[in-house]
PDB file of N, CA and C in Angstrom:
ATOM      1  N   MET A   1       6.458  12.318  -9.270  1.00  0.00           N
ATOM      2  CA  MET A   1       5.398  11.492  -9.807  1.00  0.00           C
ATOM      3  C   MET A   1       4.027  11.994  -9.396  1.00  0.00           C
ATOM      4  N   SER A   2       3.970  13.199  -8.875  1.00  0.00           N
ATOM      5  CA  SER A   2       2.667  13.755  -8.506  1.00  0.00           C
ATOM      6  C   SER A   2       1.915  14.161  -9.764  1.00  0.00           C
ATOM      7  N   GLY A   3       0.624  14.330  -9.616  1.00  0.00           N
ATOM      8  CA  GLY A   3      -0.201  14.747 -10.748  1.00  0.00           C
ATOM      9  C   GLY A   3       0.239  16.080 -11.329  1.00  0.00           C
ATOM     10  N   ALA A   4       0.609  17.020 -10.459  1.00  0.00           N
ATOM     11  CA  ALA A   4       1.064  18.338 -10.921  1.00  0.00           C
ATOM     12  C   ALA A   4       2.375  18.208 -11.698  1.00  0.00           C
ATOM     13  N   PHE A   5       3.282  17.386 -11.220  1.00  0.00           N
ATOM     14  CA  PHE A   5       4.561  17.181 -11.895  1.00  0.00           C
ATOM     15  C   PHE A   5       4.336  16.587 -13.282  1.00  0.00           C
ATOM     16  N   ILE A   6       3.524  15.553 -13.362  1.00  0.00           N
ATOM     17  CA  ILE A   6       3.248  14.896 -14.645  1.00  0.00           C
ATOM     18  C   ILE A   6       2.561  15.860 -15.596  1.00  0.00           C
ATOM     19  N   SER A   7       1.620  16.642 -15.092  1.00  0.00           N
ATOM     20  CA  SER A   7       0.929  17.623 -15.921  1.00  0.00           C
ATOM     21  C   SER A   7       1.900  18.666 -16.468  1.00  0.00           C
ATOM     22  N   GLY A   8       2.810  19.138 -15.613  1.00  0.00           N
ATOM     23  CA  GLY A   8       3.802  20.123 -16.051  1.00  0.00           C
ATOM     24  C   GLY A   8       4.722  19.571 -17.124  1.00  0.00           C
ATOM     25  N   ILE A   9       5.136  18.329 -16.962  1.00  0.00           N
ATOM     26  CA  ILE A   9       5.995  17.694 -17.969  1.00  0.00           C
ATOM     27  C   ILE A   9       5.263  17.593 -19.298  1.00  0.00           C
ATOM     28  N   ARG A  10       4.022  17.151 -19.267  1.00  0.00           N
ATOM     29  CA  ARG A  10       3.250  16.998 -20.513  1.00  0.00           C
ATOM     30  C   ARG A  10       2.981  18.342 -21.186  1.00  0.00           C
ATOM     31  N   THR A  11       2.820  19.395 -20.385  1.00  0.00           N
ATOM     32  CA  THR A  11       2.554  20.729 -20.935  1.00  0.00           C
ATOM     33  C   THR A  11       3.805  21.330 -21.564  1.00  0.00           C
ATOM     34  N   HIS A  12       4.928  21.244 -20.886  1.00  0.00           N
ATOM     35  CA  HIS A  12       6.138  21.940 -21.326  1.00  0.00           C
ATOM     36  C   HIS A  12       7.085  21.088 -22.163  1.00  0.00           C
ATOM     37  N   PHE A  13       6.956  19.796 -22.090  1.00  0.00           N
ATOM     38  CA  PHE A  13       7.796  18.892 -22.876  1.00  0.00           C
ATOM     39  C   PHE A  13       6.895  17.933 -23.638  1.00  0.00           C
ATOM     40  N   VAL A  14       6.278  18.452 -24.675  1.00  0.00           N
ATOM     41  CA  VAL A  14       5.231  17.731 -25.409  1.00  0.00           C
ATOM     42  C   VAL A  14       5.734  16.410 -25.992  1.00  0.00           C
ATOM     43  N   ASN A  15       6.953  16.372 -26.469  1.00  0.00           N
ATOM     44  CA  ASN A  15       7.478  15.170 -27.125  1.00  0.00           C
ATOM     45  C   ASN A  15       8.208  14.236 -26.161  1.00  0.00           C
ATOM     46  N   SER A  16       8.103  14.476 -24.879  1.00  0.00           N
ATOM     47  CA  SER A  16       8.816  13.645 -23.908  1.00  0.00           C
ATOM     48  C   SER A  16       8.052  12.352 -23.618  1.00  0.00           C
ATOM     49  N   THR A  17       8.762  11.404 -23.070  1.00  0.00           N
ATOM     50  CA  THR A  17       8.178  10.132 -22.658  1.00  0.00           C
ATOM     51  C   THR A  17       8.259  10.046 -21.145  1.00  0.00           C
ATOM     52  N   LEU A  18       7.162   9.704 -20.527  1.00  0.00           N
ATOM     53  CA  LEU A  18       7.127   9.571 -19.068  1.00  0.00           C
ATOM     54  C   LEU A  18       7.611   8.179 -18.678  1.00  0.00           C
ATOM     55  N   THR A  19       8.615   8.136 -17.836  1.00  0.00           N
ATOM     56  CA  THR A  19       9.111   6.861 -17.329  1.00  0.00           C
ATOM     57  C   THR A  19       9.183   6.926 -15.814  1.00  0.00           C
ATOM     58  N   VAL A  20       9.133   5.780 -15.181  1.00  0.00           N
ATOM     59  CA  VAL A  20       9.280   5.705 -13.725  1.00  0.00           C
ATOM     60  C   VAL A  20      10.354   4.676 -13.424  1.00  0.00           C
ATOM     61  N   ASP A  21      11.026   4.872 -12.319  1.00  0.00           N
ATOM     62  CA  ASP A  21      12.068   3.929 -11.945  1.00  0.00           C
ATOM     63  C   ASP A  21      11.545   3.018 -10.841  1.00  0.00           C
ATOM     64  N   TRP A  22      12.154   1.851 -10.729  1.00  0.00           N
ATOM     65  CA  TRP A  22      11.695   0.850  -9.772  1.00  0.00           C
ATOM     66  C   TRP A  22      11.815   1.328  -8.337  1.00  0.00           C
ATOM     67  N   PHE A  23      12.781   2.171  -8.032  1.00  0.00           N
ATOM     68  CA  PHE A  23      12.920   2.685  -6.673  1.00  0.00           C
ATOM     69  C   PHE A  23      11.647   3.397  -6.242  1.00  0.00           C
ATOM     70  N   HIS A  24      11.130   4.292  -7.097  1.00  0.00           N
ATOM     71  CA  HIS A  24       9.936   5.052  -6.729  1.00  0.00           C
ATOM     72  C   HIS A  24       8.673   4.200  -6.766  1.00  0.00           C
ATOM     73  N   VAL A  25       8.621   3.241  -7.662  1.00  0.00           N
ATOM     74  CA  VAL A  25       7.474   2.325  -7.692  1.00  0.00           C
ATOM     75  C   VAL A  25       7.429   1.528  -6.392  1.00  0.00           C
ATOM     76  N   LEU A  26       8.573   1.002  -5.989  1.00  0.00           N
ATOM     77  CA  LEU A  26       8.645   0.229  -4.750  1.00  0.00           C
ATOM     78  C   LEU A  26       8.353   1.110  -3.535  1.00  0.00           C
ATOM     79  N   GLN A  27       8.814   2.353  -3.577  1.00  0.00           N
ATOM     80  CA  GLN A  27       8.548   3.284  -2.482  1.00  0.00           C
ATOM     81  C   GLN A  27       7.041   3.546  -2.343  1.00  0.00           C
ATOM     82  N   LEU A  28       6.348   3.768  -3.448  1.00  0.00           N
ATOM     83  CA  LEU A  28       4.900   3.976  -3.406  1.00  0.00           C
ATOM     84  C   LEU A  28       4.172   2.741  -2.903  1.00  0.00           C
ATOM     85  N   PHE A  29       4.605   1.570  -3.360  1.00  0.00           N
ATOM     86  CA  PHE A  29       3.996   0.320  -2.929  1.00  0.00           C
ATOM     87  C   PHE A  29       4.174   0.117  -1.428  1.00  0.00           C
ATOM     88  N   THR A  30       5.383   0.347  -0.943  1.00  0.00           N
ATOM     89  CA  THR A  30       5.675   0.168   0.473  1.00  0.00           C
ATOM     90  C   THR A  30       4.846   1.120   1.334  1.00  0.00           C
ATOM     91  N   LYS A  31       4.710   2.364   0.890  1.00  0.00           N
ATOM     92  CA  LYS A  31       3.898   3.335   1.634  1.00  0.00           C
ATOM     93  C   LYS A  31       2.433   2.904   1.668  1.00  0.00           C
ATOM     94  N   ALA A  32       1.927   2.395   0.544  1.00  0.00           N
ATOM     95  CA  ALA A  32       0.533   1.954   0.490  1.00  0.00           C
ATOM     96  C   ALA A  32       0.298   0.766   1.418  1.00  0.00           C
ATOM     97  N   VAL A  33       1.220  -0.188   1.423  1.00  0.00           N
ATOM     98  CA  VAL A  33       1.094  -1.347   2.310  1.00  0.00           C
ATOM     99  C   VAL A  33       1.126  -0.893   3.765  1.00  0.00           C
ATOM    100  N   GLU A  34       2.016   0.041   4.089  1.00  0.00           N
ATOM    101  CA  GLU A  34       2.127   0.539   5.460  1.00  0.00           C
ATOM    102  C   GLU A  34       0.838   1.238   5.896  1.00  0.00           C
ATOM    103  N   GLU A  35       0.226   2.016   4.993  1.00  0.00           N
ATOM    104  CA  GLU A  35      -1.033   2.697   5.318  1.00  0.00           C
ATOM    105  C   GLU A  35      -2.135   1.693   5.632  1.00  0.00           C
ATOM    106  N   VAL A  36      -2.213   0.641   4.851  1.00  0.00           N
ATOM    107  CA  VAL A  36      -3.227  -0.391   5.086  1.00  0.00           C
ATOM    108  C   VAL A  36      -2.944  -1.097   6.405  1.00  0.00           C
ATOM    109  N   LYS A  37      -1.695  -1.428   6.635  1.00  0.00           N
ATOM    110  CA  LYS A  37      -1.318  -2.140   7.857  1.00  0.00           C
ATOM    111  C   LYS A  37      -1.641  -1.316   9.099  1.00  0.00           C
ATOM    112  N   VAL A  38      -1.340  -0.029   9.065  1.00  0.00           N
ATOM    113  CA  VAL A  38      -1.588   0.840  10.217  1.00  0.00           C
ATOM    114  C   VAL A  38      -3.087   1.023  10.458  1.00  0.00           C
ATOM    115  N   SER A  39      -3.874   0.977   9.400  1.00  0.00           N
ATOM    116  CA  SER A  39      -5.315   1.176   9.555  1.00  0.00           C
ATOM    117  C   SER A  39      -6.029  -0.052  10.123  1.00  0.00           C
ATOM    118  N   MET A  40      -5.343  -1.189  10.147  1.00  0.00           N
ATOM    119  CA  MET A  40      -5.940  -2.422  10.654  1.00  0.00           C
ATOM    120  C   MET A  40      -5.861  -2.466  12.173  1.00  0.00           C
ATOM    121  N   PRO A  41      -6.810  -3.145  12.804  1.00  0.00           N
ATOM    122  CA  PRO A  41      -6.688  -3.362  14.257  1.00  0.00           C
ATOM    123  C   PRO A  41      -5.400  -4.128  14.548  1.00  0.00           C
ATOM    124  N   LYS A  42      -4.838  -3.900  15.714  1.00  0.00           N
ATOM    125  CA  LYS A  42      -3.537  -4.483  16.055  1.00  0.00           C
ATOM    126  C   LYS A  42      -3.532  -6.008  15.937  1.00  0.00           C
ATOM    127  N   ALA A  43      -4.569  -6.658  16.404  1.00  0.00           N
ATOM    128  CA  ALA A  43      -4.628  -8.122  16.329  1.00  0.00           C
ATOM    129  C   ALA A  43      -4.595  -8.604  14.879  1.00  0.00           C
ATOM    130  N   SER A  44      -5.232  -7.855  13.989  1.00  0.00           N
ATOM    131  CA  SER A  44      -5.237  -8.230  12.573  1.00  0.00           C
ATOM    132  C   SER A  44      -3.860  -8.090  11.963  1.00  0.00           C
ATOM    133  N   ARG A  45      -3.143  -7.027  12.355  1.00  0.00           N
ATOM    134  CA  ARG A  45      -1.803  -6.816  11.796  1.00  0.00           C
ATOM    135  C   ARG A  45      -0.901  -8.008  12.076  1.00  0.00           C
ATOM    136  N   TRP A  46      -0.891  -8.470  13.315  1.00  0.00           N
ATOM    137  CA  TRP A  46      -0.039  -9.613  13.653  1.00  0.00           C
ATOM    138  C   TRP A  46      -0.517 -10.876  12.970  1.00  0.00           C
ATOM    139  N   ALA A  47      -1.817 -11.029  12.831  1.00  0.00           N
ATOM    140  CA  ALA A  47      -2.353 -12.226  12.184  1.00  0.00           C
ATOM    141  C   ALA A  47      -1.953 -12.280  10.717  1.00  0.00           C
ATOM    142  N   VAL A  48      -1.918 -11.136  10.070  1.00  0.00           N
ATOM    143  CA  VAL A  48      -1.528 -11.100   8.664  1.00  0.00           C
ATOM    144  C   VAL A  48      -0.047 -11.461   8.512  1.00  0.00           C
ATOM    145  N   LEU A  49       0.775 -11.044   9.448  1.00  0.00           N
ATOM    146  CA  LEU A  49       2.205 -11.319   9.361  1.00  0.00           C
ATOM    147  C   LEU A  49       2.551 -12.762   9.723  1.00  0.00           C
ATOM    148  N   LYS A  50       1.735 -13.397  10.544  1.00  0.00           N
ATOM    149  CA  LYS A  50       2.003 -14.776  10.938  1.00  0.00           C
ATOM    150  C   LYS A  50       1.535 -15.725   9.840  1.00  0.00           C
ATOM    151  N   SER A  51       2.224 -16.823   9.703  1.00  0.00           N
ATOM    152  CA  SER A  51       1.838 -17.775   8.666  1.00  0.00           C
ATOM    153  C   SER A  51       0.926 -18.879   9.201  1.00  0.00           C
ATOM    154  N   ARG A  52       0.942 -19.082  10.512  1.00  0.00           N
ATOM    155  CA  ARG A  52       0.094 -20.136  11.089  1.00  0.00           C
ATOM    156  C   ARG A  52      -0.009 -19.921  12.593  1.00  0.00           C
ATOM    157  N   ASP A  53      -0.719 -20.809  13.255  1.00  0.00           N
ATOM    158  CA  ASP A  53      -0.888 -20.763  14.706  1.00  0.00           C
ATOM    159  C   ASP A  53      -1.465 -19.432  15.192  1.00  0.00           C
ATOM    160  N   LEU A  54      -2.589 -19.047  14.613  1.00  0.00           N
ATOM    161  CA  LEU A  54      -3.239 -17.811  15.031  1.00  0.00           C
ATOM    162  C   LEU A  54      -3.939 -18.005  16.368  1.00  0.00           C
ATOM    163  N   THR A  55      -3.918 -16.970  17.194  1.00  0.00           N
ATOM    164  CA  THR A  55      -4.666 -17.012  18.448  1.00  0.00           C
ATOM    165  C   THR A  55      -6.135 -16.792  18.124  1.00  0.00           C
ATOM    166  N   ALA A  56      -6.991 -17.079  19.064  1.00  0.00           N
ATOM    167  CA  ALA A  56      -8.429 -16.878  18.864  1.00  0.00           C
ATOM    168  C   ALA A  56      -8.727 -15.408  18.583  1.00  0.00           C
ATOM    169  N   LYS A  57      -8.043 -14.509  19.297  1.00  0.00           N
ATOM    170  CA  LYS A  57      -8.245 -13.070  19.103  1.00  0.00           C
ATOM    171  C   LYS A  57      -7.837 -12.649  17.683  1.00  0.00           C
ATOM    172  N   GLN A  58      -6.725 -13.179  17.192  1.00  0.00           N
ATOM    173  CA  GLN A  58      -6.267 -12.846  15.852  1.00  0.00           C
ATOM    174  C   GLN A  58      -7.207 -13.416  14.788  1.00  0.00           C
ATOM    175  N   LEU A  59      -7.668 -14.623  14.995  1.00  0.00           N
ATOM    176  CA  LEU A  59      -8.595 -15.235  14.051  1.00  0.00           C
ATOM    177  C   LEU A  59      -9.898 -14.450  13.991  1.00  0.00           C
ATOM    178  N   LYS A  60     -10.409 -14.015  15.138  1.00  0.00           N
ATOM    179  CA  LYS A  60     -11.620 -13.198  15.165  1.00  0.00           C
ATOM    180  C   LYS A  60     -11.382 -11.871  14.459  1.00  0.00           C
ATOM    181  N   ALA A  61     -10.234 -11.247  14.685  1.00  0.00           N
ATOM    182  CA  ALA A  61      -9.922  -9.974  14.041  1.00  0.00           C
ATOM    183  C   ALA A  61      -9.879 -10.107  12.533  1.00  0.00           C
ATOM    184  N   LEU A  62      -9.277 -11.186  12.033  1.00  0.00           N
ATOM    185  CA  LEU A  62      -9.245 -11.423  10.590  1.00  0.00           C
ATOM    186  C   LEU A  62     -10.635 -11.673  10.042  1.00  0.00           C
ATOM    187  N   THR A  63     -11.420 -12.435  10.751  1.00  0.00           N
ATOM    188  CA  THR A  63     -12.787 -12.721  10.306  1.00  0.00           C
ATOM    189  C   THR A  63     -13.599 -11.426  10.254  1.00  0.00           C
ATOM    190  N   ASP A  64     -13.494 -10.607  11.289  1.00  0.00           N
ATOM    191  CA  ASP A  64     -14.214  -9.337  11.322  1.00  0.00           C
ATOM    192  C   ASP A  64     -13.741  -8.401  10.211  1.00  0.00           C
ATOM    193  N   ALA A  65     -12.444  -8.391   9.929  1.00  0.00           N
ATOM    194  CA  ALA A  65     -11.908  -7.504   8.902  1.00  0.00           C
ATOM    195  C   ALA A  65     -12.341  -7.920   7.497  1.00  0.00           C
ATOM    196  N   SER A  66     -12.634  -9.193   7.316  1.00  0.00           N
ATOM    197  CA  SER A  66     -13.003  -9.665   5.988  1.00  0.00           C
ATOM    198  C   SER A  66     -14.482  -9.473   5.672  1.00  0.00           C
ATOM    199  N   ARG A  67     -15.261  -9.075   6.677  1.00  0.00           N
ATOM    200  CA  ARG A  67     -16.692  -8.837   6.449  1.00  0.00           C
ATOM    201  C   ARG A  67     -16.902  -7.459   5.837  1.00  0.00           C
ATOM    202  N   PRO A  68     -17.849  -7.357   4.901  1.00  0.00           N
ATOM    203  CA  PRO A  68     -18.120  -6.052   4.274  1.00  0.00           C
ATOM    204  C   PRO A  68     -18.762  -5.059   5.205  1.00  0.00           C
TER     205      PRO A  68
END
């Protein structure tokens, strides 16, 4: 599903149809979520995973992360 792969398919198989399967879509989504999660401060990561009862440190981390 890389740009080079798609370009090669379009060049050499002009009448083909590009399709993607759910496995690879989910794999890309999971990798993107993981990249965002890892880039967040540790306190923010736990705060995002928790549904309630945030500590003061986690609440501050979320507030700071939401500022532009």
